[in-house]
């Protein structure tokens, strides 16, 4: 925007340390709260709701220290509509450069029934407690909890009372995530239009995500005139969570054409704080979560990857760098195409011709059908597996292994040897031993196994195993390597690959040659 005005500014109120921490199991330590508060302050959050000081000594201590250490943000504490709560809250935030007291009470019929107050009795309590908070602190926020299920006439009445008592921010919570965007906008618009004094305060919105509409409801409220959004990092919060800070901030940034509002949040720090909050709270971010999910900037489909390689704007409405990522991810999987595979090979330092790419691509597709995701190390292993193939005299056609606690393992192996099919069955101490014996039954040889090594290329039970085999025959050494999600299959392929290399090197030496006179360079 070129002409920014305060009327167009949206204040970001983060309640990760209060509402976010109320998620069952998301409790943070004192040090973690201080760390997150510092990150929020550095990112440019306008108001940090640091906690609920009356709730515990730990909460009071955290809010107090955050208040003392904060540099830029308003530091806010939450208090029920009780004098003791408000006093305790003030004691916690009073040393902040910019302190705020946030006091609330449930105003819907369901919530009024809990303290058993009449409408008039609740109205009087609101007047008394907001007045008391205003006498302590210049910046007072008031919330009618469950506002979206409160009768319109009563909601308008108590909002007016809170404004007259000194509240400078009126927050309208959708406490149970019940409302819809059109209702959210209309409610704010009507309050501003009809409540006396409404034009002199800031209206805020606090939306829960029970029906998956928290972000939409918050943005709709801004359209209706709200200028403060209450949110949390990663949408953390009670039940299904809250409006996610990263979603509303990026929505305002990306759709400035239809929402000409702005915030001063440094969006480049979003991903870092998202991951840190996930770590300290113990709540992992779902892979497909907007903005911060693992897959938010990842493209596996061949059509999408081809488009991304030509022009990133074809499938991305924002740059990953805008939220602190180094770039787009093109994870390889069964939906990927040749363009993405060639790009990945180039990134890994492999320049392949069309024929080799075709061979690697076939192997890649076979692997991708067995694995959820193909990693860089998988690709390296696939390229290595294609080396020296093409003139192989020995090729595996099929392998079936039976093993377990009932007896010796048995391997049935079918191979193509110099263009002829052959099959053999062998028993062994285990599946690999049985397989190697089956290979020797089909292709008798004197090669001695010097090395047999298995490594998992990547993580997980579906990880590819890379098997390395080293054989020695008459002084000639050859190695074979293969990768497969089936360790026994990888072992057989590595063993046969080493045998093929022995055959190639034997042919190089010619009949009657002494292998000890052949240099390593000549053999390779």
Protein backbone atom coordinates (compact mmCIF):
# COMPACT_ATOMS: atom_id res chain seq x y z
CA UNK A 1 0.00 0.00 0.00
CA UNK A 2 1.22 3.49 -0.77
CA UNK A 3 -1.12 5.46 1.51
CA UNK A 4 -1.19 3.75 4.89
CA UNK A 5 -3.46 5.21 7.53
CA UNK A 6 -4.30 4.15 11.07
CA UNK A 7 -7.82 3.44 9.82
CA UNK A 8 -6.39 0.75 7.57
CA UNK A 9 -4.11 -0.80 10.18
CA UNK A 10 -4.97 -4.17 11.72
CA UNK A 11 -3.48 -4.71 15.17
CA UNK A 12 -2.26 -8.25 15.80
CA UNK A 13 -3.03 -9.53 19.29
CA UNK A 14 -1.25 -12.84 19.95
CA UNK A 15 -2.59 -15.11 22.69
CA UNK A 16 -0.35 -18.14 22.14
CA UNK A 17 0.98 -17.84 25.68
CA UNK A 18 -2.53 -17.67 27.16
CA UNK A 19 -5.24 -19.29 25.02
CA UNK A 20 -2.69 -21.37 23.10
CA UNK A 21 -1.24 -22.81 26.27
CA UNK A 22 -4.72 -23.85 27.37
CA UNK A 23 -4.63 -26.63 24.77
CA UNK A 24 -4.46 -29.87 26.77
CA UNK A 25 -0.81 -30.91 26.93
CA UNK A 26 0.59 -27.66 25.53
CA UNK A 27 1.91 -26.26 28.81
CA UNK A 28 5.22 -24.43 28.40
CA UNK A 29 8.00 -23.91 30.91
CA UNK A 30 8.90 -20.49 32.25
CA UNK A 31 11.97 -20.27 30.01
CA UNK A 32 10.00 -21.36 26.95
CA UNK A 33 7.37 -18.66 27.57
CA UNK A 34 10.07 -16.02 27.78
CA UNK A 35 11.61 -17.29 24.55
CA UNK A 36 8.32 -17.28 22.64
CA UNK A 37 7.43 -13.82 23.96
CA UNK A 38 10.78 -12.49 22.76
CA UNK A 39 10.23 -14.01 19.31
CA UNK A 40 6.73 -12.50 19.11
CA UNK A 41 8.04 -9.10 20.16
CA UNK A 42 10.85 -9.27 17.62
CA UNK A 43 8.43 -10.32 14.87
CA UNK A 44 6.36 -7.19 15.37
CA UNK A 45 3.27 -8.50 17.19
CA UNK A 46 1.38 -5.47 18.52
CA UNK A 47 -0.11 -7.00 21.67
CA UNK A 48 1.11 -10.10 23.48
CA UNK A 49 -1.34 -11.70 25.90
CA UNK A 50 1.31 -13.20 28.15
CA UNK A 51 -0.93 -15.24 30.41
CA UNK A 52 -3.61 -15.43 33.11
CA UNK A 53 -1.82 -14.09 36.22
CA UNK A 54 -4.42 -15.26 38.76
CA UNK A 55 -4.27 -18.84 37.46
CA UNK A 56 -1.01 -19.82 39.16
CA UNK A 57 2.20 -18.49 40.64
CA UNK A 58 4.00 -19.72 37.54
CA UNK A 59 1.71 -17.78 35.23
CA UNK A 60 2.10 -14.64 37.34
CA UNK A 61 5.90 -14.95 37.29
CA UNK A 62 5.98 -15.46 33.52
CA UNK A 63 3.71 -12.49 32.78
CA UNK A 64 5.71 -10.28 35.16
CA UNK A 65 9.06 -11.12 33.59
CA UNK A 66 7.73 -10.84 30.04
CA UNK A 67 6.37 -7.39 30.98
CA UNK A 68 9.75 -6.28 32.29
CA UNK A 69 11.69 -7.65 29.29
CA UNK A 70 9.40 -6.56 26.44
CA UNK A 71 10.77 -3.90 24.08
CA UNK A 72 8.01 -3.05 21.63
CA UNK A 73 4.74 -4.90 22.17
CA UNK A 74 1.90 -4.09 24.53
CA UNK A 75 1.96 -6.75 27.27
CA UNK A 76 -1.48 -7.90 28.31
CA UNK A 77 -2.76 -10.10 31.11
CA UNK A 78 -6.19 -11.72 31.36
CA UNK A 79 -8.55 -11.27 34.31
CA UNK A 80 -12.05 -12.39 35.11
CA UNK A 81 -14.63 -9.75 36.08
CA UNK A 82 -13.47 -9.88 39.69
CA UNK A 83 -11.56 -7.22 41.62
CA UNK A 84 -8.97 -9.71 42.91
CA UNK A 85 -8.25 -10.99 39.38
CA UNK A 86 -7.83 -7.46 38.05
CA UNK A 87 -5.49 -6.43 40.87
CA UNK A 88 -3.36 -9.52 40.34
CA UNK A 89 -3.26 -8.87 36.60
CA UNK A 90 -2.15 -5.28 37.14
CA UNK A 91 0.60 -6.38 39.52
CA UNK A 92 1.91 -8.66 36.75
CA UNK A 93 1.85 -6.21 33.82
CA UNK A 94 2.46 -2.88 35.57
CA UNK A 95 6.20 -2.83 34.79
CA UNK A 96 5.71 -3.18 31.04
CA UNK A 97 6.47 -0.14 28.91
CA UNK A 98 2.97 -0.57 27.49
CA UNK A 99 0.72 -2.59 29.87
CA UNK A 100 -2.86 -3.71 29.23
CA UNK A 101 -5.53 -5.33 31.39
CA UNK A 102 -7.95 -7.62 29.56
CA UNK A 103 -11.04 -8.45 31.59
CA UNK A 104 -13.97 -10.59 30.51
CA UNK A 105 -17.29 -12.14 31.51
CA UNK A 106 -19.64 -14.58 29.76
CA UNK A 107 -22.73 -12.72 28.55
CA UNK A 108 -24.76 -15.36 26.68
CA UNK A 109 -27.75 -17.00 28.46
CA UNK A 110 -25.70 -20.17 28.97
CA UNK A 111 -22.81 -18.26 30.54
CA UNK A 112 -24.99 -15.94 32.63
CA UNK A 113 -26.46 -19.03 34.27
CA UNK A 114 -23.06 -20.13 35.63
CA UNK A 115 -22.67 -17.30 38.20
CA UNK A 116 -26.48 -17.12 38.43
CA UNK A 117 -26.59 -13.40 37.66
CA UNK A 118 -29.53 -11.50 36.25
CA UNK A 119 -28.95 -9.25 33.26
CA UNK A 120 -28.96 -6.19 35.52
CA UNK A 121 -26.59 -7.76 38.05
CA UNK A 122 -24.14 -8.69 35.32
CA UNK A 123 -24.35 -5.23 33.78
CA UNK A 124 -23.50 -3.70 37.17
CA UNK A 125 -20.52 -6.04 37.60
CA UNK A 126 -19.23 -5.10 34.16
CA UNK A 127 -19.45 -1.42 35.08
CA UNK A 128 -17.64 -1.91 38.40
CA UNK A 129 -14.82 -4.15 37.13
CA UNK A 130 -14.06 -2.21 33.95
CA UNK A 131 -14.04 1.02 35.97
CA UNK A 132 -11.65 -0.55 38.49
CA UNK A 133 -9.34 -1.77 35.71
CA UNK A 134 -9.38 1.68 34.07
CA UNK A 135 -8.40 3.32 37.35
CA UNK A 136 -5.31 1.11 37.44
CA UNK A 137 -4.32 1.08 33.76
CA UNK A 138 -4.94 3.42 30.84
CA UNK A 139 -5.23 0.55 28.37
CA UNK A 140 -8.20 -1.71 29.15
CA UNK A 141 -9.71 -4.36 26.92
CA UNK A 142 -13.09 -5.88 27.65
CA UNK A 143 -14.64 -9.07 26.23
CA UNK A 144 -18.22 -10.38 26.44
CA UNK A 145 -17.40 -14.11 26.30
CA UNK A 146 -19.67 -16.07 23.93
CA UNK A 147 -20.72 -12.79 22.32
CA UNK A 148 -21.92 -14.47 19.13
CA UNK A 149 -24.58 -16.36 21.12
CA UNK A 150 -25.61 -13.35 23.24
CA UNK A 151 -28.95 -11.61 22.57
CA UNK A 152 -28.38 -8.57 20.36
CA UNK A 153 -30.08 -6.05 22.67
CA UNK A 154 -28.14 -7.24 25.71
CA UNK A 155 -24.83 -7.39 23.83
CA UNK A 156 -25.29 -3.79 22.63
CA UNK A 157 -26.19 -2.72 26.20
CA UNK A 158 -23.13 -4.23 27.90
CA UNK A 159 -20.75 -3.05 25.15
CA UNK A 160 -21.98 0.50 25.75
CA UNK A 161 -21.49 0.08 29.51
CA UNK A 162 -17.90 -1.14 29.02
CA UNK A 163 -17.09 1.78 26.71
CA UNK A 164 -18.49 4.32 29.18
CA UNK A 165 -16.55 2.65 32.04
CA UNK A 166 -13.28 3.24 30.19
CA UNK A 167 -12.52 0.25 27.94
CA UNK A 168 -10.52 1.36 24.90
CA UNK A 169 -10.73 -2.01 23.10
CA UNK A 170 -13.91 -4.07 22.80
CA UNK A 171 -13.25 -7.66 21.83
CA UNK A 172 -16.12 -9.71 20.39
CA UNK A 173 -15.30 -13.41 20.92
CA UNK A 174 -16.77 -16.27 18.96
CA UNK A 175 -15.89 -18.44 21.95
CA UNK A 176 -17.23 -21.73 20.63
CA UNK A 177 -16.54 -21.25 16.91
CA UNK A 178 -20.26 -21.06 16.14
CA UNK A 179 -20.58 -18.09 13.82
CA UNK A 180 -20.13 -17.77 10.05
CA UNK A 181 -18.27 -15.06 8.10
CA UNK A 182 -21.33 -13.11 7.02
CA UNK A 183 -22.58 -13.05 10.62
CA UNK A 184 -19.16 -12.05 11.93
CA UNK A 185 -18.97 -9.04 9.61
CA UNK A 186 -22.57 -7.99 10.24
CA UNK A 187 -22.22 -8.16 14.02
CA UNK A 188 -19.17 -5.86 14.10
CA UNK A 189 -20.69 -3.52 11.55
CA UNK A 190 -23.91 -3.23 13.54
CA UNK A 191 -22.17 -2.65 16.88
CA UNK A 192 -20.10 0.17 15.41
CA UNK A 193 -23.15 1.72 13.80
CA UNK A 194 -25.58 1.49 16.74
CA UNK A 195 -23.70 1.53 20.05
CA UNK A 196 -22.99 5.02 21.44
CA UNK A 197 -19.24 5.68 21.69
CA UNK A 198 -18.32 2.76 19.41
CA UNK A 199 -16.44 5.02 17.00
CA UNK A 200 -14.06 6.02 19.80
CA UNK A 201 -12.76 2.51 20.54
CA UNK A 202 -11.08 -0.33 18.65
CA UNK A 203 -13.20 -3.39 18.00
CA UNK A 204 -11.42 -6.74 18.10
CA UNK A 205 -12.35 -10.27 17.08
CA UNK A 206 -11.40 -13.56 18.73
CA UNK A 207 -12.52 -16.57 16.72
CA UNK A 208 -12.29 -20.27 17.51
CA UNK A 209 -12.02 -22.92 14.83
CA UNK A 210 -14.62 -25.50 15.83
CA UNK A 211 -16.24 -25.38 12.39
CA UNK A 212 -13.01 -24.59 10.53
CA UNK A 213 -13.97 -20.94 9.91
CA UNK A 214 -11.83 -19.03 12.42
CA UNK A 215 -9.61 -17.29 9.88
CA UNK A 216 -12.52 -16.52 7.57
CA UNK A 217 -14.55 -15.13 10.47
CA UNK A 218 -11.66 -12.95 11.63
CA UNK A 219 -11.09 -11.48 8.18
CA UNK A 220 -14.83 -10.93 7.75
CA UNK A 221 -14.86 -9.04 11.07
CA UNK A 222 -12.12 -6.78 9.71
CA UNK A 223 -14.28 -6.13 6.67
CA UNK A 224 -17.03 -5.17 9.11
CA UNK A 225 -14.82 -2.65 10.89
CA UNK A 226 -12.79 -4.61 13.46
CA UNK A 227 -9.19 -3.44 13.64
CA UNK A 228 -7.69 -6.00 16.01
CA UNK A 229 -7.42 -9.74 15.37
CA UNK A 230 -6.75 -12.11 18.26
CA UNK A 231 -4.83 -15.15 17.11
CA UNK A 232 -2.19 -17.71 17.98
CA UNK A 233 0.87 -19.19 16.30
CA UNK A 234 -0.12 -22.36 14.40
CA UNK A 235 -3.75 -21.76 15.45
CA UNK A 236 -3.00 -23.30 18.84
CA UNK A 237 -5.80 -23.10 21.39
CA UNK A 238 -8.78 -24.66 23.12
CA UNK A 239 -10.46 -27.58 21.32
CA UNK A 240 -9.94 -27.06 17.56
CA UNK A 241 -7.82 -23.97 18.17
CA UNK A 242 -7.97 -20.32 17.21
CA UNK A 243 -7.42 -18.09 14.24
CA UNK A 244 -3.84 -18.73 13.12
CA UNK A 245 -1.62 -15.64 13.10
CA UNK A 246 0.23 -16.75 9.99
CA UNK A 247 -3.00 -17.23 8.04
CA UNK A 248 -4.54 -13.81 8.69
CA UNK A 249 -1.27 -11.94 8.25
CA UNK A 250 -0.48 -13.60 4.90
CA UNK A 251 -4.08 -13.24 3.75
CA UNK A 252 -3.86 -9.49 4.35
CA UNK A 253 -0.53 -9.39 2.51
CA UNK A 254 -1.57 -11.50 -0.48
CA UNK A 255 -5.12 -10.18 -0.94
CA UNK A 256 -4.51 -6.48 -0.49
CA UNK A 257 -6.56 -6.00 -3.64
CA UNK A 258 -9.80 -6.84 -1.84
CA UNK A 259 -8.68 -6.23 1.78
CA UNK A 260 -6.74 -2.95 1.77
CA UNK A 261 -5.47 -3.37 5.33
CA UNK A 262 -1.98 -3.86 6.70
CA UNK A 263 0.05 -5.04 9.69
CA UNK A 264 3.67 -4.46 10.65
CA UNK A 265 4.43 -8.15 11.20
CA UNK A 266 7.78 -9.29 9.77
CA UNK A 267 6.44 -12.26 7.82
CA UNK A 268 9.95 -13.60 7.14
CA UNK A 269 10.05 -14.76 10.76
CA UNK A 270 6.80 -16.72 10.61
CA UNK A 271 8.26 -20.12 9.82
CA UNK A 272 10.90 -19.93 12.54
CA UNK A 273 8.45 -19.09 15.32
CA UNK A 274 5.94 -21.63 14.00
CA UNK A 275 8.47 -24.42 14.31
CA UNK A 276 9.66 -23.21 17.70
CA UNK A 277 6.12 -23.07 19.11
CA UNK A 278 5.48 -26.54 17.74
CA UNK A 279 8.56 -27.81 19.54
CA UNK A 280 7.96 -26.22 22.94
CA UNK A 281 4.22 -26.95 22.99
CA UNK A 282 4.60 -30.51 21.75
CA UNK A 283 1.90 -29.92 19.12
CA UNK A 284 3.17 -30.90 15.64
CA UNK A 285 1.95 -28.81 12.73
CA UNK A 286 -0.22 -30.81 10.33
CA UNK A 287 1.52 -31.32 6.98
CA UNK A 288 -1.17 -29.58 4.95
CA UNK A 289 -1.70 -26.59 7.27
CA UNK A 290 -1.85 -23.29 5.43
CA UNK A 291 1.38 -21.25 5.29
CA UNK A 292 3.44 -23.26 7.81
CA UNK A 293 2.66 -26.91 7.02
CA UNK A 294 5.37 -29.15 5.59
CA UNK A 295 3.47 -29.38 2.30
CA UNK A 296 2.46 -25.69 2.06
CA UNK A 297 5.19 -25.04 -0.53
CA UNK A 298 5.74 -28.60 -1.73
CA UNK A 299 4.69 -29.92 -5.15
CA UNK A 300 4.79 -33.61 -6.05
CA UNK A 301 2.48 -33.85 -9.05
CA UNK A 302 4.35 -34.01 -12.33
CA UNK A 303 2.12 -31.32 -13.89
CA UNK A 304 2.65 -29.02 -10.91
CA UNK A 305 6.39 -29.62 -10.80
CA UNK A 306 6.76 -28.92 -14.51
CA UNK A 307 4.80 -25.69 -14.07
CA UNK A 308 6.85 -24.66 -11.04
CA UNK A 309 10.11 -25.22 -12.92
CA UNK A 310 8.89 -22.92 -15.69
CA UNK A 311 7.17 -20.25 -13.58
CA UNK A 312 6.62 -20.50 -9.83
CA UNK A 313 3.54 -18.29 -9.99
CA UNK A 314 1.65 -21.02 -11.81
CA UNK A 315 1.07 -22.88 -8.54
CA UNK A 316 2.17 -20.54 -5.71
CA UNK A 317 0.35 -17.37 -4.66
CA UNK A 318 3.16 -16.29 -2.34
CA UNK A 319 6.89 -16.83 -2.18
CA UNK A 320 8.27 -19.27 0.39
CA UNK A 321 10.92 -16.65 1.16
CA UNK A 322 8.13 -14.37 2.41
CA UNK A 323 7.58 -16.64 5.43
CA UNK A 324 11.22 -17.50 6.04
CA UNK A 325 11.75 -20.57 3.87
CA UNK A 326 14.74 -20.86 1.55
CA UNK A 327 12.64 -21.97 -1.40
CA UNK A 328 10.04 -24.24 -2.87
CA UNK A 329 10.22 -27.99 -2.31
CA UNK A 330 9.68 -30.42 -5.17
CA UNK A 331 9.50 -33.72 -3.31
CA UNK A 332 9.72 -36.70 -5.61
CA UNK A 333 7.02 -39.33 -5.41
CA UNK A 334 4.94 -41.55 -7.64
CA UNK A 335 3.16 -38.53 -9.15
CA UNK A 336 6.39 -36.80 -10.22
CA UNK A 337 7.46 -36.55 -13.83
CA UNK A 338 10.68 -36.60 -15.85
CA UNK A 339 11.12 -32.83 -15.67
CA UNK A 340 11.28 -32.86 -11.88
CA UNK A 341 13.58 -35.89 -11.85
CA UNK A 342 15.97 -34.28 -14.33
CA UNK A 343 15.94 -31.07 -12.25
CA UNK A 344 16.66 -33.01 -9.08
CA UNK A 345 19.49 -34.93 -10.74
CA UNK A 346 21.01 -31.64 -11.90
CA UNK A 347 20.68 -30.24 -8.39
CA UNK A 348 22.54 -33.29 -7.09
CA UNK A 349 25.31 -32.83 -9.66
CA UNK A 350 24.30 -35.50 -12.20
CA UNK A 351 24.11 -34.61 -15.89
CA UNK A 352 22.39 -37.54 -17.60
CA UNK A 353 21.51 -38.21 -21.19
CA UNK A 354 18.04 -39.10 -22.39
CA UNK A 355 18.68 -42.85 -22.35
CA UNK A 356 20.09 -42.88 -18.83
CA UNK A 357 17.28 -40.58 -17.64
CA UNK A 358 14.78 -43.02 -19.07
CA UNK A 359 16.42 -45.90 -17.19
CA UNK A 360 16.63 -43.98 -13.91
CA UNK A 361 13.03 -42.79 -14.33
CA UNK A 362 11.76 -46.36 -14.68
CA UNK A 363 13.60 -47.41 -11.52
CA UNK A 364 12.42 -44.24 -9.78
CA UNK A 365 8.76 -44.98 -10.56
CA UNK A 366 9.15 -48.55 -9.30
CA UNK A 367 10.63 -47.25 -6.06
CA UNK A 368 8.03 -44.47 -5.69
CA UNK A 369 5.23 -47.03 -5.86
CA UNK A 370 6.70 -48.62 -2.74
CA UNK A 371 7.73 -45.49 -0.82
CA UNK A 372 5.66 -42.48 0.24
CA UNK A 373 8.49 -40.08 -0.53
CA UNK A 374 11.73 -40.49 -2.45
CA UNK A 375 14.63 -38.61 -0.88
CA UNK A 376 17.84 -37.22 -2.37
CA UNK A 377 19.84 -40.17 -1.10
CA UNK A 378 17.37 -42.50 -2.78
CA UNK A 379 18.01 -40.75 -6.10
CA UNK A 380 21.78 -41.03 -5.68
CA UNK A 381 21.38 -44.74 -5.00
CA UNK A 382 19.22 -45.16 -8.10
CA UNK A 383 21.76 -43.41 -10.32
CA UNK A 384 24.55 -45.57 -8.90
CA UNK A 385 22.48 -48.68 -9.57
CA UNK A 386 22.26 -47.82 -13.29
CA UNK A 387 26.03 -47.54 -13.67
CA UNK A 388 27.71 -50.38 -15.57
CA UNK A 389 24.33 -51.90 -16.43
CA UNK A 390 23.26 -52.54 -20.00
CA UNK A 391 25.83 -55.26 -20.83
CA UNK A 392 25.08 -57.38 -17.79
CA UNK A 393 25.31 -61.09 -18.53
CA UNK A 394 23.50 -61.96 -15.31
CA UNK A 395 20.10 -60.45 -14.58
CA UNK A 396 17.59 -61.23 -11.86
CA UNK A 397 14.11 -62.03 -13.15
CA UNK A 398 12.36 -62.91 -9.89
CA UNK A 399 13.11 -63.86 -6.31
CA UNK A 400 10.95 -65.51 -3.69
CA UNK A 401 12.19 -66.15 -0.17
CA UNK A 402 10.57 -68.10 2.65
CA UNK A 403 11.98 -67.64 6.14
CA UNK A 404 10.96 -67.65 9.76
CA UNK A 405 11.25 -69.64 12.97
CA UNK A 406 10.09 -72.96 11.51
CA UNK A 407 13.30 -73.99 9.77
CA UNK A 408 16.04 -72.90 7.36
CA UNK A 409 15.33 -70.11 4.89
CA UNK A 410 14.67 -71.07 1.29
CA UNK A 411 15.18 -68.91 -1.78
CA UNK A 412 13.79 -69.57 -5.24
CA UNK A 413 15.63 -67.47 -7.81
CA UNK A 414 15.02 -67.04 -11.52
CA UNK A 415 17.78 -65.42 -13.56
CA UNK A 416 18.58 -64.65 -17.17
CA UNK A 417 22.13 -65.74 -17.93
CA UNK A 418 23.54 -64.79 -21.31
CA UNK A 419 19.98 -64.53 -22.63
CA UNK A 420 18.82 -67.90 -21.21
CA UNK A 421 16.39 -68.28 -18.30
CA UNK A 422 17.35 -70.51 -15.42
CA UNK A 423 15.83 -71.19 -12.01
CA UNK A 424 17.16 -72.70 -8.79
CA UNK A 425 16.12 -73.19 -5.18
CA UNK A 426 18.57 -73.17 -2.29
CA UNK A 427 18.44 -73.29 1.50
CA UNK A 428 20.56 -71.28 3.90
CA UNK A 429 21.03 -70.01 7.44
CA UNK A 430 18.96 -66.94 6.60
CA UNK A 431 17.22 -65.30 3.63
CA UNK A 432 20.40 -63.60 2.36
CA UNK A 433 22.53 -66.73 2.70
CA UNK A 434 19.89 -68.78 0.88
CA UNK A 435 19.70 -66.17 -1.90
CA UNK A 436 23.46 -66.05 -2.42
CA UNK A 437 23.56 -69.88 -2.58
CA UNK A 438 20.82 -69.80 -5.23
CA UNK A 439 22.92 -67.34 -7.28
CA UNK A 440 25.94 -69.67 -7.03
CA UNK A 441 23.78 -72.63 -8.03
CA UNK A 442 22.79 -70.83 -11.24
CA UNK A 443 26.22 -69.31 -11.89
CA UNK A 444 28.96 -71.39 -10.26
CA UNK A 445 31.96 -69.27 -9.33
CA UNK A 446 34.91 -69.14 -6.99
CA UNK A 447 34.40 -65.54 -5.93
CA UNK A 448 34.90 -64.98 -2.22
CA UNK A 449 32.60 -62.62 -0.33
CA UNK A 450 34.87 -60.04 1.33
CA UNK A 451 32.25 -57.51 2.40
CA UNK A 452 28.52 -57.50 2.93
CA UNK A 453 27.12 -54.23 4.33
CA UNK A 454 23.59 -52.89 4.75
CA UNK A 455 22.69 -49.25 5.39
CA UNK A 456 19.29 -47.59 5.59
CA UNK A 457 19.34 -44.73 3.12
CA UNK A 458 16.49 -42.82 4.77
CA UNK A 459 14.25 -42.97 7.82
CA UNK A 460 11.22 -45.11 8.51
CA UNK A 461 10.21 -48.73 8.14
CA UNK A 462 9.76 -48.16 4.41
CA UNK A 463 13.33 -46.88 4.05
CA UNK A 464 15.47 -48.02 1.17
CA UNK A 465 18.29 -50.33 2.15
CA UNK A 466 21.55 -49.82 0.33
CA UNK A 467 23.52 -53.06 0.20
CA UNK A 468 27.21 -53.11 -0.67
CA UNK A 469 28.94 -56.34 -1.70
CA UNK A 470 32.66 -56.86 -2.40
CA UNK A 471 33.83 -60.02 -4.15
CA UNK A 472 37.37 -61.28 -4.82
CA UNK A 473 38.26 -63.88 -7.48
CA UNK A 474 41.81 -64.76 -8.46
CA UNK A 475 43.12 -61.44 -7.16
CA UNK A 476 40.45 -59.38 -8.93
CA UNK A 477 38.15 -57.37 -6.70
CA UNK A 478 34.74 -56.07 -7.76
CA UNK A 479 32.04 -54.28 -5.83
CA UNK A 480 28.32 -54.14 -6.33
CA UNK A 481 25.74 -51.89 -4.78
CA UNK A 482 21.97 -51.78 -4.95
CA UNK A 483 19.12 -50.06 -3.15
CA UNK A 484 15.64 -51.39 -2.50
CA UNK A 485 12.99 -51.22 0.20
CA UNK A 486 13.38 -55.03 0.40
CA UNK A 487 16.78 -55.76 1.95
CA UNK A 488 16.96 -59.29 0.51
CA UNK A 489 16.19 -58.07 -3.01
CA UNK A 490 18.83 -55.34 -2.64
CA UNK A 491 21.30 -57.98 -1.45
CA UNK A 492 20.67 -60.21 -4.46
CA UNK A 493 20.99 -57.33 -6.90
CA UNK A 494 24.22 -56.09 -5.27
CA UNK A 495 25.71 -59.61 -5.36
CA UNK A 496 24.79 -60.11 -9.01
CA UNK A 497 26.09 -56.62 -9.87
CA UNK A 498 29.48 -57.52 -8.38
CA UNK A 499 29.52 -60.81 -10.34
CA UNK A 500 28.77 -58.93 -13.57
CA UNK A 501 31.71 -56.62 -12.93
CA UNK A 502 33.96 -59.61 -12.33
CA UNK A 503 32.85 -61.01 -15.67
CA UNK A 504 33.51 -57.71 -17.45
CA UNK A 505 36.99 -57.48 -15.94
CA UNK A 506 37.73 -61.10 -16.78
CA UNK A 507 36.84 -60.35 -20.40
CA UNK A 508 39.13 -57.29 -20.37
CA UNK A 509 42.08 -59.43 -19.27
CA UNK A 510 41.60 -61.90 -22.09
CA UNK A 511 42.17 -65.67 -22.01
CA UNK A 512 45.22 -66.90 -20.14
CA UNK A 513 46.07 -63.52 -18.61
CA UNK A 514 47.41 -63.32 -15.08
CA UNK A 515 45.05 -61.20 -13.05
CA UNK A 516 47.87 -60.06 -10.79
CA UNK A 517 49.44 -58.19 -13.76
CA UNK A 518 46.28 -56.18 -14.44
CA UNK A 519 46.30 -52.75 -12.75
CA UNK A 520 43.31 -51.36 -10.86
CA UNK A 521 43.07 -48.53 -13.40
CA UNK A 522 42.86 -51.02 -16.27
CA UNK A 523 40.17 -52.98 -14.51
CA UNK A 524 38.03 -49.89 -14.06
